[in-house]
Amino acid sequence: MLISTYFKENAHSARAEVMRNTAGDYYYIDYYDQGGNKFYTETFPGKSIHYVEDAAENWSINVKVLHG
């Protein structure tokens, strides 16, 4: 289930979508490139929605860098 979306620069650029799994027991972020292709999924078991949304926002403003 989609919770929120964070964009790099505008609605047509790379984005991070904060999601909740179907069982509702953890959150994750799907990362998409400028072409809309998902290139990475990061899971956050045991973390709050606030923590996960902060991670997505930090990526969108270039504070968080993905390695891997």
C-alpha atoms as a PDB file:
ATOM      1  CA  MET A   1       0.000   0.000   0.000  1.00  0.00           C
ATOM      2  CA  LEU A   2       1.399   3.379  -1.028  1.00  0.00           C
ATOM      3  CA  ILE A   3       1.845   5.811   1.879  1.00  0.00           C
ATOM      4  CA  SER A   4       3.698   8.759   0.313  1.00  0.00           C
ATOM      5  CA  THR A   5       5.918   9.777  -2.592  1.00  0.00           C
ATOM      6  CA  TYR A   6       9.049  11.950  -2.576  1.00  0.00           C
ATOM      7  CA  PHE A   7      10.430  13.445  -5.800  1.00  0.00           C
ATOM      8  CA  LYS A   8      14.020  14.468  -6.550  1.00  0.00           C
ATOM      9  CA  GLU A   9      13.304  17.734  -8.414  1.00  0.00           C
ATOM     10  CA  ASN A  10       9.851  17.628  -9.965  1.00  0.00           C
ATOM     11  CA  ALA A  11       7.001  15.241 -10.718  1.00  0.00           C
ATOM     12  CA  HIS A  12       8.827  13.951 -13.840  1.00  0.00           C
ATOM     13  CA  SER A  13      12.078  13.042 -12.102  1.00  0.00           C
ATOM     14  CA  ALA A  14      13.325  10.222  -9.911  1.00  0.00           C
ATOM     15  CA  ARG A  15      11.124   9.359  -6.951  1.00  0.00           C
ATOM     16  CA  ALA A  16      10.909   7.305  -3.781  1.00  0.00           C
ATOM     17  CA  GLU A  17       7.634   5.666  -2.792  1.00  0.00           C
ATOM     18  CA  VAL A  18       7.086   4.805   0.868  1.00  0.00           C
ATOM     19  CA  MET A  19       5.070   1.604   1.077  1.00  0.00           C
ATOM     20  CA  ARG A  20       3.573  -0.702   3.715  1.00  0.00           C
ATOM     21  CA  ASN A  21       3.679  -4.425   3.046  1.00  0.00           C
ATOM     22  CA  THR A  22       0.399  -6.292   2.626  1.00  0.00           C
ATOM     23  CA  ALA A  23       0.606  -7.912   6.076  1.00  0.00           C
ATOM     24  CA  GLY A  24       1.138  -4.445   7.593  1.00  0.00           C
ATOM     25  CA  ASP A  25       4.140  -5.416   9.680  1.00  0.00           C
ATOM     26  CA  TYR A  26       6.860  -3.271   8.074  1.00  0.00           C
ATOM     27  CA  TYR A  27       7.489  -0.355   5.721  1.00  0.00           C
ATOM     28  CA  TYR A  28       9.740  -0.169   2.682  1.00  0.00           C
ATOM     29  CA  ILE A  29      10.829   2.287   0.007  1.00  0.00           C
ATOM     30  CA  ASP A  30      10.757   1.606  -3.727  1.00  0.00           C
ATOM     31  CA  TYR A  31      13.170   3.852  -5.633  1.00  0.00           C
ATOM     32  CA  TYR A  32      12.496   4.794  -9.269  1.00  0.00           C
ATOM     33  CA  ASP A  33      14.744   6.453 -11.827  1.00  0.00           C
ATOM     34  CA  GLN A  34      13.742   9.338 -14.122  1.00  0.00           C
ATOM     35  CA  GLY A  35      12.284   6.875 -16.628  1.00  0.00           C
ATOM     36  CA  GLY A  36       9.955   5.370 -14.026  1.00  0.00           C
ATOM     37  CA  ASN A  37      11.944   2.141 -13.687  1.00  0.00           C
ATOM     38  CA  LYS A  38      12.240   0.700 -10.184  1.00  0.00           C
ATOM     39  CA  PHE A  39      15.925   0.225  -9.416  1.00  0.00           C
ATOM     40  CA  TYR A  40      16.036  -0.525  -5.693  1.00  0.00           C
ATOM     41  CA  THR A  41      13.848  -1.575  -2.752  1.00  0.00           C
ATOM     42  CA  GLU A  42      14.907  -0.844   0.812  1.00  0.00           C
ATOM     43  CA  THR A  43      13.080  -2.511   3.728  1.00  0.00           C
ATOM     44  CA  PHE A  44      12.757  -1.124   7.255  1.00  0.00           C
ATOM     45  CA  PRO A  45      11.505  -3.853   9.625  1.00  0.00           C
ATOM     46  CA  GLY A  46      10.906  -2.516  13.120  1.00  0.00           C
ATOM     47  CA  LYS A  47      11.135   1.161  12.080  1.00  0.00           C
ATOM     48  CA  SER A  48       8.353   3.729  12.402  1.00  0.00           C
ATOM     49  CA  ILE A  49       6.645   5.376   9.450  1.00  0.00           C
ATOM     50  CA  HIS A  50       8.318   8.645  10.486  1.00  0.00           C
ATOM     51  CA  TYR A  51      11.771   7.058  10.230  1.00  0.00           C
ATOM     52  CA  VAL A  52      11.042   5.624   6.787  1.00  0.00           C
ATOM     53  CA  GLU A  53       9.556   8.864   5.450  1.00  0.00           C
ATOM     54  CA  ASP A  54      12.614  10.748   6.729  1.00  0.00           C
ATOM     55  CA  ALA A  55      14.832   8.298   4.821  1.00  0.00           C
ATOM     56  CA  ALA A  56      12.834   8.849   1.610  1.00  0.00           C
ATOM     57  CA  GLU A  57      12.923  12.614   2.022  1.00  0.00           C
ATOM     58  CA  ASN A  58      16.664  12.571   2.728  1.00  0.00           C
ATOM     59  CA  TRP A  59      17.220  10.637  -0.505  1.00  0.00           C
ATOM     60  CA  SER A  60      15.079  13.097  -2.466  1.00  0.00           C
ATOM     61  CA  ILE A  61      17.168  16.059  -1.262  1.00  0.00           C
ATOM     62  CA  ASN A  62      20.473  14.209  -1.824  1.00  0.00           C
ATOM     63  CA  VAL A  63      21.358  13.773   1.858  1.00  0.00           C
ATOM     64  CA  LYS A  64      21.003   9.970   1.692  1.00  0.00           C
ATOM     65  CA  VAL A  65      23.014   8.107  -0.956  1.00  0.00           C
ATOM     66  CA  LEU A  66      22.138   4.559  -1.996  1.00  0.00           C
ATOM     67  CA  HIS A  67      25.000   2.099  -2.250  1.00  0.00           C
ATOM     68  CA  GLY A  68      24.369  -1.223  -3.893  1.00  0.00           C
END
